[in-house]
Amino acid sequence: MAETFKVQEIHCQGCARRIVEAVQTAQPGTVVAVDVEAGSVTVEPGGDRAVIAHAIEEAGYKVMEAA
């Protein structure tokens, strides 16, 4: 099952790339999709929500809520 997060300050594909790399490092084997316009990150399969949120925040973005 996929997990989706609302994330602030995703402005461009460079931002998206940093988030994808951070999440895939924290949760190897996941597929990460970033919707720049919607400000959302979807991770499949979902994993430990706290680990994923922490990885996104360590990349420099604020997780607002689970979508």
PDB file of N, CA and C in Angstrom:
ATOM      1  N   MET A   1       0.843  -1.182   0.000  1.00  0.00           N
ATOM      2  CA  MET A   1       0.000   0.000   0.000  1.00  0.00           C
ATOM      3  C   MET A   1       0.889   1.247   0.000  1.00  0.00           C
ATOM      4  N   ALA A   2       0.507   2.206  -0.775  1.00  0.00           N
ATOM      5  CA  ALA A   2       1.280   3.452  -0.900  1.00  0.00           C
ATOM      6  C   ALA A   2       0.981   4.393   0.262  1.00  0.00           C
ATOM      7  N   GLU A   3       1.948   5.212   0.593  1.00  0.00           N
ATOM      8  CA  GLU A   3       1.806   6.268   1.593  1.00  0.00           C
ATOM      9  C   GLU A   3       2.010   7.597   0.878  1.00  0.00           C
ATOM     10  N   THR A   4       1.144   8.583   1.156  1.00  0.00           N
ATOM     11  CA  THR A   4       1.268   9.893   0.534  1.00  0.00           C
ATOM     12  C   THR A   4       1.411  10.955   1.616  1.00  0.00           C
ATOM     13  N   PHE A   5       2.320  11.891   1.382  1.00  0.00           N
ATOM     14  CA  PHE A   5       2.604  12.974   2.315  1.00  0.00           C
ATOM     15  C   PHE A   5       2.428  14.323   1.619  1.00  0.00           C
ATOM     16  N   LYS A   6       1.866  15.303   2.311  1.00  0.00           N
ATOM     17  CA  LYS A   6       1.847  16.689   1.837  1.00  0.00           C
ATOM     18  C   LYS A   6       3.141  17.317   2.324  1.00  0.00           C
ATOM     19  N   VAL A   7       3.848  17.996   1.415  1.00  0.00           N
ATOM     20  CA  VAL A   7       5.166  18.528   1.734  1.00  0.00           C
ATOM     21  C   VAL A   7       5.256  19.966   1.245  1.00  0.00           C
ATOM     22  N   GLN A   8       5.771  20.846   2.087  1.00  0.00           N
ATOM     23  CA  GLN A   8       5.951  22.252   1.715  1.00  0.00           C
ATOM     24  C   GLN A   8       7.266  22.461   0.988  1.00  0.00           C
ATOM     25  N   GLU A   9       7.282  23.495   0.168  1.00  0.00           N
ATOM     26  CA  GLU A   9       8.486  24.025  -0.466  1.00  0.00           C
ATOM     27  C   GLU A   9       9.096  23.143  -1.544  1.00  0.00           C
ATOM     28  N   ILE A  10       8.265  22.345  -2.200  1.00  0.00           N
ATOM     29  CA  ILE A  10       8.731  21.621  -3.383  1.00  0.00           C
ATOM     30  C   ILE A  10       8.495  22.568  -4.554  1.00  0.00           C
ATOM     31  N   HIS A  11       9.583  23.104  -5.128  1.00  0.00           N
ATOM     32  CA  HIS A  11       9.460  24.127  -6.156  1.00  0.00           C
ATOM     33  C   HIS A  11       9.813  23.660  -7.570  1.00  0.00           C
ATOM     34  N   CYS A  12      10.621  22.594  -7.657  1.00  0.00           N
ATOM     35  CA  CYS A  12      11.136  22.229  -8.977  1.00  0.00           C
ATOM     36  C   CYS A  12      11.517  20.755  -9.022  1.00  0.00           C
ATOM     37  N   GLN A  13      11.956  20.323 -10.187  1.00  0.00           N
ATOM     38  CA  GLN A  13      12.383  18.934 -10.349  1.00  0.00           C
ATOM     39  C   GLN A  13      13.646  18.625  -9.548  1.00  0.00           C
ATOM     40  N   GLY A  14      14.464  19.641  -9.292  1.00  0.00           N
ATOM     41  CA  GLY A  14      15.642  19.438  -8.444  1.00  0.00           C
ATOM     42  C   GLY A  14      15.225  19.086  -7.025  1.00  0.00           C
ATOM     43  N   CYS A  15      14.194  19.775  -6.535  1.00  0.00           N
ATOM     44  CA  CYS A  15      13.638  19.465  -5.210  1.00  0.00           C
ATOM     45  C   CYS A  15      13.132  18.022  -5.204  1.00  0.00           C
ATOM     46  N   ALA A  16      12.402  17.677  -6.241  1.00  0.00           N
ATOM     47  CA  ALA A  16      11.841  16.329  -6.346  1.00  0.00           C
ATOM     48  C   ALA A  16      12.943  15.288  -6.334  1.00  0.00           C
ATOM     49  N   ARG A  17      14.003  15.528  -7.055  1.00  0.00           N
ATOM     50  CA  ARG A  17      15.123  14.586  -7.135  1.00  0.00           C
ATOM     51  C   ARG A  17      15.768  14.384  -5.754  1.00  0.00           C
ATOM     52  N   ARG A  18      15.945  15.482  -4.998  1.00  0.00           N
ATOM     53  CA  ARG A  18      16.532  15.380  -3.654  1.00  0.00           C
ATOM     54  C   ARG A  18      15.644  14.545  -2.728  1.00  0.00           C
ATOM     55  N   ILE A  19      14.336  14.740  -2.832  1.00  0.00           N
ATOM     56  CA  ILE A  19      13.402  13.983  -1.997  1.00  0.00           C
ATOM     57  C   ILE A  19      13.439  12.501  -2.366  1.00  0.00           C
ATOM     58  N   VAL A  20      13.408  12.203  -3.659  1.00  0.00           N
ATOM     59  CA  VAL A  20      13.454  10.809  -4.112  1.00  0.00           C
ATOM     60  C   VAL A  20      14.719  10.128  -3.589  1.00  0.00           C
ATOM     61  N   GLU A  21      15.859  10.763  -3.746  1.00  0.00           N
ATOM     62  CA  GLU A  21      17.119  10.174  -3.288  1.00  0.00           C
ATOM     63  C   GLU A  21      17.116   9.948  -1.782  1.00  0.00           C
ATOM     64  N   ALA A  22      16.609  10.912  -1.023  1.00  0.00           N
ATOM     65  CA  ALA A  22      16.588  10.794   0.438  1.00  0.00           C
ATOM     66  C   ALA A  22      15.690   9.646   0.888  1.00  0.00           C
ATOM     67  N   VAL A  23      14.500   9.553   0.295  1.00  0.00           N
ATOM     68  CA  VAL A  23      13.568   8.496   0.699  1.00  0.00           C
ATOM     69  C   VAL A  23      14.095   7.133   0.278  1.00  0.00           C
ATOM     70  N   GLN A  24      14.643   7.028  -0.916  1.00  0.00           N
ATOM     71  CA  GLN A  24      15.155   5.736  -1.370  1.00  0.00           C
ATOM     72  C   GLN A  24      16.379   5.298  -0.572  1.00  0.00           C
ATOM     73  N   THR A  25      17.124   6.232  -0.037  1.00  0.00           N
ATOM     74  CA  THR A  25      18.244   5.883   0.838  1.00  0.00           C
ATOM     75  C   THR A  25      17.716   5.349   2.167  1.00  0.00           C
ATOM     76  N   ALA A  26      16.675   5.993   2.693  1.00  0.00           N
ATOM     77  CA  ALA A  26      16.101   5.587   3.977  1.00  0.00           C
ATOM     78  C   ALA A  26      15.259   4.318   3.856  1.00  0.00           C
ATOM     79  N   GLN A  27      14.595   4.129   2.735  1.00  0.00           N
ATOM     80  CA  GLN A  27      13.715   2.979   2.494  1.00  0.00           C
ATOM     81  C   GLN A  27      14.072   2.359   1.143  1.00  0.00           C
ATOM     82  N   PRO A  28      15.183   1.606   1.085  1.00  0.00           N
ATOM     83  CA  PRO A  28      15.600   1.013  -0.194  1.00  0.00           C
ATOM     84  C   PRO A  28      14.488   0.143  -0.796  1.00  0.00           C
ATOM     85  N   GLY A  29      14.417   0.171  -2.113  1.00  0.00           N
ATOM     86  CA  GLY A  29      13.449  -0.645  -2.822  1.00  0.00           C
ATOM     87  C   GLY A  29      12.099   0.013  -3.025  1.00  0.00           C
ATOM     88  N   THR A  30      11.964   1.264  -2.599  1.00  0.00           N
ATOM     89  CA  THR A  30      10.690   1.956  -2.775  1.00  0.00           C
ATOM     90  C   THR A  30      10.664   2.705  -4.095  1.00  0.00           C
ATOM     91  N   VAL A  31       9.455   2.957  -4.569  1.00  0.00           N
ATOM     92  CA  VAL A  31       9.238   3.814  -5.717  1.00  0.00           C
ATOM     93  C   VAL A  31       8.666   5.109  -5.159  1.00  0.00           C
ATOM     94  N   VAL A  32       9.309   6.226  -5.471  1.00  0.00           N
ATOM     95  CA  VAL A  32       8.913   7.525  -4.920  1.00  0.00           C
ATOM     96  C   VAL A  32       8.460   8.421  -6.066  1.00  0.00           C
ATOM     97  N   ALA A  33       7.249   8.952  -5.941  1.00  0.00           N
ATOM     98  CA  ALA A  33       6.713   9.876  -6.942  1.00  0.00           C
ATOM     99  C   ALA A  33       6.470  11.215  -6.264  1.00  0.00           C
ATOM    100  N   VAL A  34       7.001  12.283  -6.851  1.00  0.00           N
ATOM    101  CA  VAL A  34       6.838  13.622  -6.306  1.00  0.00           C
ATOM    102  C   VAL A  34       6.001  14.437  -7.289  1.00  0.00           C
ATOM    103  N   ASP A  35       4.908  15.000  -6.811  1.00  0.00           N
ATOM    104  CA  ASP A  35       4.065  15.888  -7.614  1.00  0.00           C
ATOM    105  C   ASP A  35       4.400  17.309  -7.181  1.00  0.00           C
ATOM    106  N   VAL A  36       5.211  17.992  -7.986  1.00  0.00           N
ATOM    107  CA  VAL A  36       5.685  19.331  -7.644  1.00  0.00           C
ATOM    108  C   VAL A  36       4.516  20.296  -7.478  1.00  0.00           C
ATOM    109  N   GLU A  37       3.578  20.283  -8.406  1.00  0.00           N
ATOM    110  CA  GLU A  37       2.453  21.223  -8.363  1.00  0.00           C
ATOM    111  C   GLU A  37       1.551  20.996  -7.157  1.00  0.00           C
ATOM    112  N   ALA A  38       1.305  19.754  -6.806  1.00  0.00           N
ATOM    113  CA  ALA A  38       0.414  19.444  -5.683  1.00  0.00           C
ATOM    114  C   ALA A  38       1.140  19.480  -4.342  1.00  0.00           C
ATOM    115  N   GLY A  39       2.463  19.452  -4.384  1.00  0.00           N
ATOM    116  CA  GLY A  39       3.227  19.420  -3.145  1.00  0.00           C
ATOM    117  C   GLY A  39       3.033  18.115  -2.395  1.00  0.00           C
ATOM    118  N   SER A  40       3.076  17.013  -3.136  1.00  0.00           N
ATOM    119  CA  SER A  40       2.878  15.717  -2.488  1.00  0.00           C
ATOM    120  C   SER A  40       3.967  14.729  -2.880  1.00  0.00           C
ATOM    121  N   VAL A  41       4.196  13.798  -1.966  1.00  0.00           N
ATOM    122  CA  VAL A  41       5.171  12.732  -2.176  1.00  0.00           C
ATOM    123  C   VAL A  41       4.463  11.418  -1.886  1.00  0.00           C
ATOM    124  N   THR A  42       4.511  10.499  -2.848  1.00  0.00           N
ATOM    125  CA  THR A  42       3.911   9.182  -2.671  1.00  0.00           C
ATOM    126  C   THR A  42       5.012   8.142  -2.702  1.00  0.00           C
ATOM    127  N   VAL A  43       4.986   7.253  -1.719  1.00  0.00           N
ATOM    128  CA  VAL A  43       6.007   6.213  -1.579  1.00  0.00           C
ATOM    129  C   VAL A  43       5.300   4.861  -1.636  1.00  0.00           C
ATOM    130  N   GLU A  44       5.807   3.979  -2.524  1.00  0.00           N
ATOM    131  CA  GLU A  44       5.207   2.658  -2.678  1.00  0.00           C
ATOM    132  C   GLU A  44       6.288   1.603  -2.751  1.00  0.00           C
ATOM    133  N   PRO A  45       6.247   0.523  -2.038  1.00  0.00           N
ATOM    134  CA  PRO A  45       5.253   0.330  -0.994  1.00  0.00           C
ATOM    135  C   PRO A  45       5.566   1.238   0.185  1.00  0.00           C
ATOM    136  N   GLY A  46       4.536   1.587   0.915  1.00  0.00           N
ATOM    137  CA  GLY A  46       4.726   2.411   2.115  1.00  0.00           C
ATOM    138  C   GLY A  46       5.587   1.642   3.103  1.00  0.00           C
ATOM    139  N   GLY A  47       6.148   2.349   3.996  1.00  0.00           N
ATOM    140  CA  GLY A  47       6.987   1.713   5.012  1.00  0.00           C
ATOM    141  C   GLY A  47       6.758   2.413   6.326  1.00  0.00           C
ATOM    142  N   ASP A  48       7.815   2.579   7.051  1.00  0.00           N
ATOM    143  CA  ASP A  48       7.736   3.269   8.336  1.00  0.00           C
ATOM    144  C   ASP A  48       7.515   4.758   8.069  1.00  0.00           C
ATOM    145  N   ARG A  49       6.309   5.253   8.377  1.00  0.00           N
ATOM    146  CA  ARG A  49       5.951   6.650   8.095  1.00  0.00           C
ATOM    147  C   ARG A  49       6.918   7.625   8.745  1.00  0.00           C
ATOM    148  N   ALA A  50       7.353   7.339   9.951  1.00  0.00           N
ATOM    149  CA  ALA A  50       8.264   8.241  10.659  1.00  0.00           C
ATOM    150  C   ALA A  50       9.610   8.309   9.947  1.00  0.00           C
ATOM    151  N   VAL A  51      10.092   7.181   9.453  1.00  0.00           N
ATOM    152  CA  VAL A  51      11.380   7.144   8.749  1.00  0.00           C
ATOM    153  C   VAL A  51      11.283   7.925   7.444  1.00  0.00           C
ATOM    154  N   ILE A  52      10.183   7.736   6.724  1.00  0.00           N
ATOM    155  CA  ILE A  52       9.997   8.448   5.456  1.00  0.00           C
ATOM    156  C   ILE A  52       9.895   9.948   5.705  1.00  0.00           C
ATOM    157  N   ALA A  53       9.083  10.352   6.668  1.00  0.00           N
ATOM    158  CA  ALA A  53       8.931  11.776   6.983  1.00  0.00           C
ATOM    159  C   ALA A  53      10.258  12.383   7.403  1.00  0.00           C
ATOM    160  N   HIS A  54      11.016  11.652   8.200  1.00  0.00           N
ATOM    161  CA  HIS A  54      12.325  12.153   8.643  1.00  0.00           C
ATOM    162  C   HIS A  54      13.265  12.335   7.449  1.00  0.00           C
ATOM    163  N   ALA A  55      13.258  11.395   6.528  1.00  0.00           N
ATOM    164  CA  ALA A  55      14.115  11.496   5.342  1.00  0.00           C
ATOM    165  C   ALA A  55      13.759  12.722   4.521  1.00  0.00           C
ATOM    166  N   ILE A  56      12.460  12.981   4.352  1.00  0.00           N
ATOM    167  CA  ILE A  56      12.017  14.158   3.598  1.00  0.00           C
ATOM    168  C   ILE A  56      12.473  15.430   4.305  1.00  0.00           C
ATOM    169  N   GLU A  57      12.335  15.463   5.616  1.00  0.00           N
ATOM    170  CA  GLU A  57      12.732  16.652   6.374  1.00  0.00           C
ATOM    171  C   GLU A  57      14.249  16.831   6.380  1.00  0.00           C
ATOM    172  N   GLU A  58      14.994  15.744   6.447  1.00  0.00           N
ATOM    173  CA  GLU A  58      16.456  15.836   6.383  1.00  0.00           C
ATOM    174  C   GLU A  58      16.910  16.365   5.015  1.00  0.00           C
ATOM    175  N   ALA A  59      16.110  16.154   3.982  1.00  0.00           N
ATOM    176  CA  ALA A  59      16.430  16.672   2.649  1.00  0.00           C
ATOM    177  C   ALA A  59      16.128  18.170   2.546  1.00  0.00           C
ATOM    178  N   GLY A  60      15.462  18.732   3.593  1.00  0.00           N
ATOM    179  CA  GLY A  60      15.231  20.169   3.629  1.00  0.00           C
ATOM    180  C   GLY A  60      13.801  20.603   3.383  1.00  0.00           C
ATOM    181  N   TYR A  61      12.849  19.691   3.495  1.00  0.00           N
ATOM    182  CA  TYR A  61      11.446  19.994   3.217  1.00  0.00           C
ATOM    183  C   TYR A  61      10.591  19.674   4.431  1.00  0.00           C
ATOM    184  N   LYS A  62       9.495  20.399   4.594  1.00  0.00           N
ATOM    185  CA  LYS A  62       8.637  20.216   5.766  1.00  0.00           C
ATOM    186  C   LYS A  62       7.432  19.353   5.410  1.00  0.00           C
ATOM    187  N   VAL A  63       7.303  18.251   6.121  1.00  0.00           N
ATOM    188  CA  VAL A  63       6.144  17.383   5.956  1.00  0.00           C
ATOM    189  C   VAL A  63       5.002  17.993   6.747  1.00  0.00           C
ATOM    190  N   MET A  64       3.896  18.288   6.044  1.00  0.00           N
ATOM    191  CA  MET A  64       2.753  18.930   6.680  1.00  0.00           C
ATOM    192  C   MET A  64       1.793  17.907   7.287  1.00  0.00           C
ATOM    193  N   GLU A  65       1.522  16.845   6.555  1.00  0.00           N
ATOM    194  CA  GLU A  65       0.557  15.839   6.993  1.00  0.00           C
ATOM    195  C   GLU A  65       0.601  14.677   6.022  1.00  0.00           C
ATOM    196  N   ALA A  66      -0.005  13.606   6.453  1.00  0.00           N
ATOM    197  CA  ALA A  66      -0.202  12.519   5.506  1.00  0.00           C
ATOM    198  C   ALA A  66      -1.379  12.900   4.632  1.00  0.00           C
ATOM    199  N   ALA A  67      -1.258  12.687   3.366  1.00  0.00           N
ATOM    200  CA  ALA A  67      -2.345  13.037   2.447  1.00  0.00           C
ATOM    201  C   ALA A  67      -3.313  11.886   2.327  1.00  0.00           C
TER     202      ALA A  67
END
